[in-house]
Amino acid sequence: MARTFWILGCVFGFTGVAAGAFGAHALRATVPPDLLAVFETGARYQMYHALALLAVALAAARQPETRPLRAAGWLFAAGIVVFSGSLYALALSGVRVLGAVTPIGGACFLAGWIALALGARVPRTSA
């Protein structure tokens, strides 16, 4: 499980940087500013949650596999695909109805953070 989420985090991080560069350079002249901002939001949230996937992978590598950690990883991955993907599609197509699915991805992100909190056991240090 740790390896899977590490690889997903790296892939989503790589593609998030690529999307950000694409938005900043290739789209700036062709996409209206309001839709460019939508695209940039998708890239930003993709990067945040790529890092969250790396946190899941690190937590999973340090402790026995837990259902909440596994859920957190898959929720973050689904959130990236649905949230960021819908924003990319909206920005590139201009079809505003695509934004209707974006909250589903946001709900995945929120549930992922809750699952990560439930699943990651922080070791206690003696003072």
N, C-alpha and C. Protein backbone atom coordinates (compact mmCIF):
# COMPACT_ATOMS: atom_id res chain seq x y z
N MET A 1 0.82 -1.19 0.00
CA MET A 1 0.00 0.00 0.00
C MET A 1 0.87 1.25 0.00
N ALA A 2 1.92 1.27 0.79
CA ALA A 2 2.76 2.47 0.86
C ALA A 2 3.37 2.78 -0.50
N ARG A 3 3.84 1.76 -1.19
CA ARG A 3 4.47 1.97 -2.50
C ARG A 3 3.46 2.51 -3.52
N THR A 4 2.26 1.98 -3.50
CA THR A 4 1.22 2.44 -4.43
C THR A 4 0.93 3.92 -4.23
N PHE A 5 0.76 4.34 -2.99
CA PHE A 5 0.44 5.74 -2.73
C PHE A 5 1.64 6.65 -2.96
N TRP A 6 2.84 6.13 -2.74
CA TRP A 6 4.05 6.91 -3.05
C TRP A 6 4.11 7.18 -4.55
N ILE A 7 3.90 6.14 -5.35
CA ILE A 7 3.95 6.29 -6.80
C ILE A 7 2.84 7.23 -7.28
N LEU A 8 1.62 7.05 -6.77
CA LEU A 8 0.52 7.94 -7.15
C LEU A 8 0.84 9.39 -6.78
N GLY A 9 1.39 9.61 -5.59
CA GLY A 9 1.76 10.96 -5.17
C GLY A 9 2.78 11.58 -6.11
N CYS A 10 3.75 10.79 -6.52
CA CYS A 10 4.78 11.28 -7.45
C CYS A 10 4.20 11.57 -8.83
N VAL A 11 3.36 10.68 -9.31
CA VAL A 11 2.74 10.89 -10.63
C VAL A 11 1.85 12.13 -10.61
N PHE A 12 1.01 12.24 -9.58
CA PHE A 12 0.13 13.41 -9.50
C PHE A 12 0.94 14.69 -9.24
N GLY A 13 2.03 14.61 -8.51
CA GLY A 13 2.89 15.78 -8.31
C GLY A 13 3.52 16.23 -9.63
N PHE A 14 4.04 15.27 -10.37
CA PHE A 14 4.64 15.57 -11.67
C PHE A 14 3.62 16.21 -12.61
N THR A 15 2.45 15.58 -12.72
CA THR A 15 1.44 16.11 -13.64
C THR A 15 0.85 17.43 -13.14
N GLY A 16 0.87 17.63 -11.81
CA GLY A 16 0.43 18.92 -11.27
C GLY A 16 1.37 20.05 -11.65
N VAL A 17 2.67 19.79 -11.59
CA VAL A 17 3.65 20.79 -12.02
C VAL A 17 3.49 21.05 -13.52
N ALA A 18 3.32 19.98 -14.29
CA ALA A 18 3.14 20.14 -15.74
C ALA A 18 1.87 20.95 -16.04
N ALA A 19 0.79 20.67 -15.32
CA ALA A 19 -0.46 21.41 -15.54
C ALA A 19 -0.27 22.88 -15.17
N GLY A 20 0.43 23.14 -14.08
CA GLY A 20 0.67 24.52 -13.68
C GLY A 20 1.48 25.28 -14.72
N ALA A 21 2.51 24.63 -15.26
CA ALA A 21 3.32 25.26 -16.29
C ALA A 21 2.52 25.47 -17.57
N PHE A 22 1.71 24.47 -17.92
CA PHE A 22 0.86 24.58 -19.11
C PHE A 22 -0.11 25.75 -18.95
N GLY A 23 -0.71 25.86 -17.78
CA GLY A 23 -1.64 26.96 -17.54
C GLY A 23 -0.95 28.31 -17.58
N ALA A 24 0.23 28.39 -17.00
CA ALA A 24 0.94 29.67 -16.93
C ALA A 24 1.49 30.12 -18.27
N HIS A 25 1.84 29.17 -19.12
CA HIS A 25 2.50 29.56 -20.37
C HIS A 25 1.63 29.35 -21.60
N ALA A 26 1.09 28.17 -21.78
CA ALA A 26 0.36 27.87 -23.01
C ALA A 26 -1.06 28.43 -23.01
N LEU A 27 -1.69 28.47 -21.85
CA LEU A 27 -3.10 28.90 -21.81
C LEU A 27 -3.29 30.39 -21.61
N ARG A 28 -2.29 31.07 -21.10
CA ARG A 28 -2.45 32.48 -20.75
C ARG A 28 -2.98 33.32 -21.91
N ALA A 29 -2.56 33.01 -23.12
CA ALA A 29 -2.98 33.82 -24.27
C ALA A 29 -4.30 33.36 -24.88
N THR A 30 -4.75 32.15 -24.52
CA THR A 30 -5.92 31.61 -25.22
C THR A 30 -7.16 31.42 -24.35
N VAL A 31 -6.99 31.40 -23.04
CA VAL A 31 -8.10 31.14 -22.13
C VAL A 31 -8.44 32.43 -21.38
N PRO A 32 -9.71 32.77 -21.26
CA PRO A 32 -10.08 33.98 -20.51
C PRO A 32 -9.58 33.92 -19.07
N PRO A 33 -9.28 35.07 -18.48
CA PRO A 33 -8.72 35.10 -17.12
C PRO A 33 -9.53 34.34 -16.08
N ASP A 34 -10.86 34.40 -16.15
CA ASP A 34 -11.66 33.69 -15.15
C ASP A 34 -11.48 32.18 -15.27
N LEU A 35 -11.39 31.67 -16.50
CA LEU A 35 -11.19 30.23 -16.68
C LEU A 35 -9.74 29.83 -16.41
N LEU A 36 -8.81 30.74 -16.64
CA LEU A 36 -7.42 30.47 -16.30
C LEU A 36 -7.28 30.31 -14.78
N ALA A 37 -8.00 31.13 -14.03
CA ALA A 37 -8.00 31.01 -12.57
C ALA A 37 -8.58 29.66 -12.14
N VAL A 38 -9.59 29.19 -12.82
CA VAL A 38 -10.19 27.88 -12.54
C VAL A 38 -9.15 26.78 -12.77
N PHE A 39 -8.44 26.87 -13.89
CA PHE A 39 -7.40 25.89 -14.22
C PHE A 39 -6.31 25.89 -13.15
N GLU A 40 -5.88 27.08 -12.73
CA GLU A 40 -4.84 27.20 -11.72
C GLU A 40 -5.29 26.63 -10.37
N THR A 41 -6.56 26.77 -10.04
CA THR A 41 -7.09 26.17 -8.81
C THR A 41 -6.99 24.66 -8.89
N GLY A 42 -7.31 24.09 -10.03
CA GLY A 42 -7.18 22.64 -10.21
C GLY A 42 -5.75 22.18 -10.01
N ALA A 43 -4.80 22.91 -10.59
CA ALA A 43 -3.38 22.54 -10.45
C ALA A 43 -2.92 22.67 -9.00
N ARG A 44 -3.34 23.73 -8.33
CA ARG A 44 -2.94 23.96 -6.94
C ARG A 44 -3.46 22.85 -6.02
N TYR A 45 -4.72 22.50 -6.16
CA TYR A 45 -5.28 21.44 -5.32
C TYR A 45 -4.70 20.08 -5.67
N GLN A 46 -4.35 19.88 -6.93
CA GLN A 46 -3.69 18.63 -7.30
C GLN A 46 -2.35 18.52 -6.58
N MET A 47 -1.61 19.62 -6.52
CA MET A 47 -0.30 19.57 -5.84
C MET A 47 -0.47 19.34 -4.33
N TYR A 48 -1.41 20.03 -3.72
CA TYR A 48 -1.64 19.83 -2.29
C TYR A 48 -1.89 18.35 -1.99
N HIS A 49 -2.72 17.75 -2.82
CA HIS A 49 -3.14 16.38 -2.52
C HIS A 49 -2.17 15.34 -3.03
N ALA A 50 -1.30 15.72 -3.96
CA ALA A 50 -0.17 14.84 -4.30
C ALA A 50 0.73 14.72 -3.07
N LEU A 51 0.96 15.84 -2.39
CA LEU A 51 1.75 15.81 -1.15
C LEU A 51 1.03 15.02 -0.06
N ALA A 52 -0.29 15.14 -0.01
CA ALA A 52 -1.05 14.36 0.97
C ALA A 52 -0.90 12.86 0.70
N LEU A 53 -0.87 12.48 -0.57
CA LEU A 53 -0.64 11.07 -0.90
C LEU A 53 0.73 10.60 -0.42
N LEU A 54 1.73 11.46 -0.51
CA LEU A 54 3.06 11.10 0.00
C LEU A 54 3.01 10.94 1.52
N ALA A 55 2.22 11.77 2.19
CA ALA A 55 2.06 11.62 3.65
C ALA A 55 1.39 10.29 3.99
N VAL A 56 0.40 9.91 3.21
CA VAL A 56 -0.26 8.61 3.41
C VAL A 56 0.75 7.50 3.23
N ALA A 57 1.57 7.59 2.19
CA ALA A 57 2.57 6.55 1.93
C ALA A 57 3.57 6.45 3.08
N LEU A 58 4.01 7.58 3.59
CA LEU A 58 4.95 7.55 4.71
C LEU A 58 4.32 6.97 5.97
N ALA A 59 3.08 7.35 6.23
CA ALA A 59 2.38 6.80 7.39
C ALA A 59 2.19 5.30 7.24
N ALA A 60 1.82 4.86 6.04
CA ALA A 60 1.60 3.44 5.79
C ALA A 60 2.89 2.64 5.92
N ALA A 61 4.01 3.25 5.58
CA ALA A 61 5.30 2.55 5.67
C ALA A 61 5.77 2.41 7.12
N ARG A 62 5.29 3.26 8.01
CA ARG A 62 5.74 3.27 9.40
C ARG A 62 4.89 2.43 10.33
N GLN A 63 3.76 1.98 9.89
CA GLN A 63 2.85 1.25 10.77
C GLN A 63 2.11 0.18 9.98
N PRO A 64 1.50 -0.73 10.66
CA PRO A 64 0.72 -1.74 9.95
C PRO A 64 -0.40 -1.10 9.13
N GLU A 65 -0.73 -1.74 8.04
CA GLU A 65 -1.77 -1.23 7.17
C GLU A 65 -3.09 -1.06 7.93
N THR A 66 -3.72 0.08 7.72
CA THR A 66 -5.02 0.34 8.35
C THR A 66 -6.03 0.71 7.28
N ARG A 67 -7.28 0.39 7.54
CA ARG A 67 -8.34 0.74 6.60
C ARG A 67 -8.46 2.25 6.41
N PRO A 68 -8.37 3.05 7.49
CA PRO A 68 -8.48 4.50 7.28
C PRO A 68 -7.35 5.06 6.40
N LEU A 69 -6.14 4.54 6.54
CA LEU A 69 -5.05 5.03 5.68
C LEU A 69 -5.28 4.65 4.23
N ARG A 70 -5.70 3.42 4.02
CA ARG A 70 -6.00 2.99 2.65
C ARG A 70 -7.12 3.86 2.07
N ALA A 71 -8.15 4.11 2.87
CA ALA A 71 -9.25 4.97 2.41
C ALA A 71 -8.75 6.38 2.11
N ALA A 72 -7.90 6.92 2.97
CA ALA A 72 -7.37 8.27 2.75
C ALA A 72 -6.65 8.36 1.41
N GLY A 73 -5.80 7.39 1.14
CA GLY A 73 -5.07 7.42 -0.12
C GLY A 73 -5.97 7.38 -1.33
N TRP A 74 -6.95 6.48 -1.31
CA TRP A 74 -7.85 6.38 -2.47
C TRP A 74 -8.78 7.58 -2.56
N LEU A 75 -9.17 8.15 -1.43
CA LEU A 75 -10.00 9.36 -1.47
C LEU A 75 -9.22 10.55 -2.03
N PHE A 76 -7.96 10.68 -1.65
CA PHE A 76 -7.15 11.76 -2.22
C PHE A 76 -6.98 11.57 -3.72
N ALA A 77 -6.70 10.34 -4.15
CA ALA A 77 -6.53 10.08 -5.58
C ALA A 77 -7.82 10.37 -6.34
N ALA A 78 -8.95 9.91 -5.81
CA ALA A 78 -10.24 10.18 -6.46
C ALA A 78 -10.53 11.67 -6.48
N GLY A 79 -10.22 12.35 -5.39
CA GLY A 79 -10.44 13.79 -5.33
C GLY A 79 -9.64 14.53 -6.40
N ILE A 80 -8.40 14.12 -6.60
CA ILE A 80 -7.58 14.77 -7.64
C ILE A 80 -8.22 14.57 -9.00
N VAL A 81 -8.61 13.34 -9.30
CA VAL A 81 -9.19 13.06 -10.61
C VAL A 81 -10.49 13.84 -10.82
N VAL A 82 -11.36 13.82 -9.82
CA VAL A 82 -12.69 14.43 -9.98
C VAL A 82 -12.62 15.96 -9.82
N PHE A 83 -11.99 16.43 -8.74
CA PHE A 83 -11.94 17.88 -8.48
C PHE A 83 -11.09 18.58 -9.53
N SER A 84 -9.82 18.22 -9.58
CA SER A 84 -8.92 18.90 -10.51
C SER A 84 -9.30 18.59 -11.95
N GLY A 85 -9.65 17.34 -12.22
CA GLY A 85 -10.02 16.97 -13.58
C GLY A 85 -11.21 17.76 -14.09
N SER A 86 -12.22 17.93 -13.25
CA SER A 86 -13.40 18.70 -13.69
C SER A 86 -13.05 20.17 -13.91
N LEU A 87 -12.16 20.71 -13.07
CA LEU A 87 -11.76 22.10 -13.27
C LEU A 87 -10.93 22.27 -14.54
N TYR A 88 -10.05 21.32 -14.82
CA TYR A 88 -9.29 21.37 -16.07
C TYR A 88 -10.24 21.32 -17.27
N ALA A 89 -11.18 20.39 -17.22
CA ALA A 89 -12.13 20.23 -18.33
C ALA A 89 -12.98 21.49 -18.50
N LEU A 90 -13.43 22.07 -17.39
CA LEU A 90 -14.22 23.30 -17.45
C LEU A 90 -13.41 24.43 -18.08
N ALA A 91 -12.17 24.59 -17.62
CA ALA A 91 -11.34 25.70 -18.11
C ALA A 91 -11.00 25.53 -19.58
N LEU A 92 -10.76 24.31 -20.01
CA LEU A 92 -10.36 24.08 -21.41
C LEU A 92 -11.54 24.09 -22.37
N SER A 93 -12.71 23.69 -21.89
CA SER A 93 -13.88 23.61 -22.77
C SER A 93 -14.80 24.82 -22.65
N GLY A 94 -14.80 25.46 -21.48
CA GLY A 94 -15.73 26.55 -21.23
C GLY A 94 -17.12 26.08 -20.88
N VAL A 95 -17.33 24.78 -20.80
CA VAL A 95 -18.64 24.21 -20.47
C VAL A 95 -18.81 24.28 -18.95
N ARG A 96 -19.56 25.23 -18.49
CA ARG A 96 -19.68 25.50 -17.05
C ARG A 96 -20.37 24.39 -16.26
N VAL A 97 -21.20 23.60 -16.90
CA VAL A 97 -21.90 22.53 -16.20
C VAL A 97 -20.91 21.50 -15.64
N LEU A 98 -19.71 21.43 -16.21
CA LEU A 98 -18.69 20.50 -15.69
C LEU A 98 -18.32 20.83 -14.24
N GLY A 99 -18.51 22.07 -13.85
CA GLY A 99 -18.23 22.47 -12.48
C GLY A 99 -19.18 21.83 -11.48
N ALA A 100 -20.26 21.24 -11.95
CA ALA A 100 -21.22 20.62 -11.05
C ALA A 100 -20.65 19.38 -10.36
N VAL A 101 -19.67 18.73 -10.96
CA VAL A 101 -19.09 17.53 -10.33
C VAL A 101 -17.91 17.88 -9.43
N THR A 102 -17.42 19.09 -9.52
CA THR A 102 -16.26 19.50 -8.71
C THR A 102 -16.48 19.29 -7.21
N PRO A 103 -17.65 19.61 -6.65
CA PRO A 103 -17.85 19.39 -5.21
C PRO A 103 -17.72 17.92 -4.78
N ILE A 104 -17.98 16.99 -5.69
CA ILE A 104 -17.79 15.57 -5.35
C ILE A 104 -16.31 15.32 -5.07
N GLY A 105 -15.44 15.88 -5.89
CA GLY A 105 -14.00 15.76 -5.65
C GLY A 105 -13.60 16.45 -4.36
N GLY A 106 -14.20 17.60 -4.09
CA GLY A 106 -13.92 18.30 -2.83
C GLY A 106 -14.33 17.48 -1.62
N ALA A 107 -15.47 16.80 -1.73
CA ALA A 107 -15.92 15.93 -0.63
C ALA A 107 -14.93 14.77 -0.44
N CYS A 108 -14.39 14.26 -1.53
CA CYS A 108 -13.37 13.21 -1.42
C CYS A 108 -12.14 13.73 -0.67
N PHE A 109 -11.73 14.95 -0.99
CA PHE A 109 -10.59 15.54 -0.28
C PHE A 109 -10.88 15.65 1.22
N LEU A 110 -12.04 16.17 1.56
CA LEU A 110 -12.40 16.34 2.97
C LEU A 110 -12.43 14.99 3.69
N ALA A 111 -13.06 14.01 3.07
CA ALA A 111 -13.12 12.69 3.68
C ALA A 111 -11.72 12.07 3.79
N GLY A 112 -10.87 12.34 2.82
CA GLY A 112 -9.50 11.85 2.88
C GLY A 112 -8.73 12.41 4.06
N TRP A 113 -8.92 13.69 4.33
CA TRP A 113 -8.23 14.29 5.49
C TRP A 113 -8.74 13.69 6.81
N ILE A 114 -10.03 13.44 6.88
CA ILE A 114 -10.57 12.82 8.09
C ILE A 114 -10.01 11.40 8.23
N ALA A 115 -10.00 10.65 7.14
CA ALA A 115 -9.46 9.28 7.18
C ALA A 115 -7.99 9.28 7.55
N LEU A 116 -7.23 10.24 7.04
CA LEU A 116 -5.81 10.32 7.39
C LEU A 116 -5.65 10.59 8.88
N ALA A 117 -6.47 11.46 9.42
CA ALA A 117 -6.41 11.75 10.86
C ALA A 117 -6.74 10.51 11.68
N LEU A 118 -7.70 9.74 11.22
CA LEU A 118 -8.09 8.53 11.94
C LEU A 118 -7.06 7.40 11.80
N GLY A 119 -6.39 7.37 10.67
CA GLY A 119 -5.51 6.24 10.39
C GLY A 119 -4.06 6.42 10.76
N ALA A 120 -3.60 7.64 10.83
CA ALA A 120 -2.19 7.87 11.11
C ALA A 120 -1.96 7.97 12.61
N ARG A 121 -1.23 7.03 13.10
CA ARG A 121 -0.88 7.06 14.53
C ARG A 121 0.45 7.74 14.69
N VAL A 122 0.44 8.84 15.41
CA VAL A 122 1.66 9.57 15.65
C VAL A 122 2.34 8.96 16.86
N PRO A 123 3.61 8.57 16.72
CA PRO A 123 4.29 7.97 17.87
C PRO A 123 4.46 8.99 18.99
N ARG A 124 4.27 8.52 20.20
CA ARG A 124 4.43 9.40 21.37
C ARG A 124 5.88 9.39 21.79
N THR A 125 6.34 10.53 22.19
CA THR A 125 7.71 10.64 22.70
C THR A 125 7.61 10.91 24.20
N SER A 126 8.52 10.34 24.92
CA SER A 126 8.52 10.59 26.36
C SER A 126 9.30 11.84 26.65
N ALA A 127 8.75 12.67 27.49
CA ALA A 127 9.39 13.95 27.81
C ALA A 127 10.07 13.88 29.15
